[in-house]
Every structure is written in structure tokens, then in C-alpha cells.
Amino acid sequence: MLQICSFSTYFLSIFFLALPVSALSQSASSNRTPVLVELFTSEGCSSCPPADALLAKLDQDQPIQNAEIIVLGEHVDYWDNLGWHDRFSSHQYTERQSQYSARLGVDGVYTPQMIVDGSDQFVGNDSTHARRSITSAAQKAKLNLSLSRPVVDARKISASVSLPAYLASSSHGELYAALVDPTDVTDVRKGENGGRRLQHVGVVRNLQRIGSLKDLGAGPLNFSLNAPGDANLVNIRVVVFAQENNQGNVLGAVVTDVKR
């Protein structure tokens, strides 16, 4: 039986974007459709390591033939007062998870929780559901966002995202950018995972709303994100994704390494 860790104290109109088929395409780099997979997790949750391992397998193996799986590990903070402070945790990710729960009809929040393309949620270590959900998401057309090569200035990482103007002017949604550690390791000393070495992938270190799809009608949208002091800039990734308003379905996503 799958086990989840839930917290009932965290409680909180999706539309379909109609665009011509020619306006939508697969990832130009891999000829695969980008699918955003978010995992809400915590180093303080004993049920989370199997979900972290599944996220790593999805990221490394890319097992769905026509899907480019882009992973985000978002560490929530509601476990932090139960014996171990997760160094990657942020209340911002707790709030993001709570908004998903409210929109998707989930009673409260729990870990581990996986969400595919903002539209399907399930227990984060359910590999069968994950593969089925990603396969379905990869069959849907996505906006073909383009991301420039990032520029590093001290701890600031800058880039630009673009979309053909005629697509941007007819699209509705928000744009987000994230700095992501491809891998991280923590030796947990206390809490439910005390004594374990936990391995993570796709750890979100900074996530910001950078604008809207309509902003791209005027040309490429420039943005900058600050990397935390302990982030390794040699390996860090930039992920940009478009999402329907009110944290709805993901409309497109793109990823690149800072050092290429």
C-alpha cells in the first residue's frame, strides 16, 4: 500500500487554449513534447525518498518515447518544525502546492505529491500513474517556447524567452522561470529520515513569475534570477514554462543548462 504524509491544516476556471495546430509544436531540440513534472517533497518526510527516486528515474531515463520530461522538485516547509529543517524548503512552494490542491479538488496538502503539467495529481511514488499521466500529457500540443543561452554575472543568471508574436498575441497565460539544481545530496541527521543520505534531482532553488504570454508579443522577454550562495553554477539549469492563469494547465516548457 502506498503511504503518504498529509497535513490537513493546509487548505485552500480552467479553460482550453484554442490555437491553430501550426502554432503549436514539439520541443525543437529533441522532437519530443515537453511535459512538466512537479514533485512536492520534503527531507523530513519518510515517505518521500521513493518519490525522489522516481523523479530521478523519470529525469535520467526519459522513459516516455515522445515526451521530454522536465522535472521540478519543490521542497515544502511544513515538515521543518518536526525534527529536521530541509535546507531546500520554502513557504513559496507550500503555497504553490496549496493552490494546486484547491484547484484540483484535493482535501489539504500532502507529501509526496506529483503533479503533471498542472492538470493531474497523485501520490508521488506511484510510477504506474506517473507514466500514464506523462504519456497522456505528451500527446497534447504545446507552445514552442525558445530560450536564449543564459549569461552569468556573479550569482545573477539572465536569459530571454521568446515566442512568435502572432502566437503570443492570441495566448493567455503566465510565464515562470526557475533555477534548478540537477542533483543534490543531503546527509539527514534528525527527523523521520535521520541517518539517511538523501539524493534529489531537479531541486528548485529560485522560482519567479517573469511575465505573461502576451508580453512576448513585443519580442523576447528578458529576465534575471539570483542563484543561492550554495548553488553550483556549473551544473545549474534554467527552466521556463507557460501556465494558464490561476496556476492552471501547463501550456509549454523549455529547459537549458547554464553551462553548455
Foldseek 3Di string as FASTA:
>chain_A
DQDWFFDLVLADDDDDQDDDPVQFAAAPVPQAREKEKEWEAAPQDPNAQLLQVLLLCCQVVVPQDRYNYAYAYAYAQPSPVFKHGGPLHDPVSVVLQNLLCHVQVHNHDIPGWMDMQSHDIDHRNPNVVVNVVRNVVRVDTFRHKDKAQWDDDPQKIKIWIAGALVVLQSDWWWKKKWKFAQKDWDQACIHPQHRDIGIGGRYTQDMDTQGISNVNNVPIGMDMDGGDPPGDLQFIKMKMWTAHPSSHGTRGIDMDRNHD
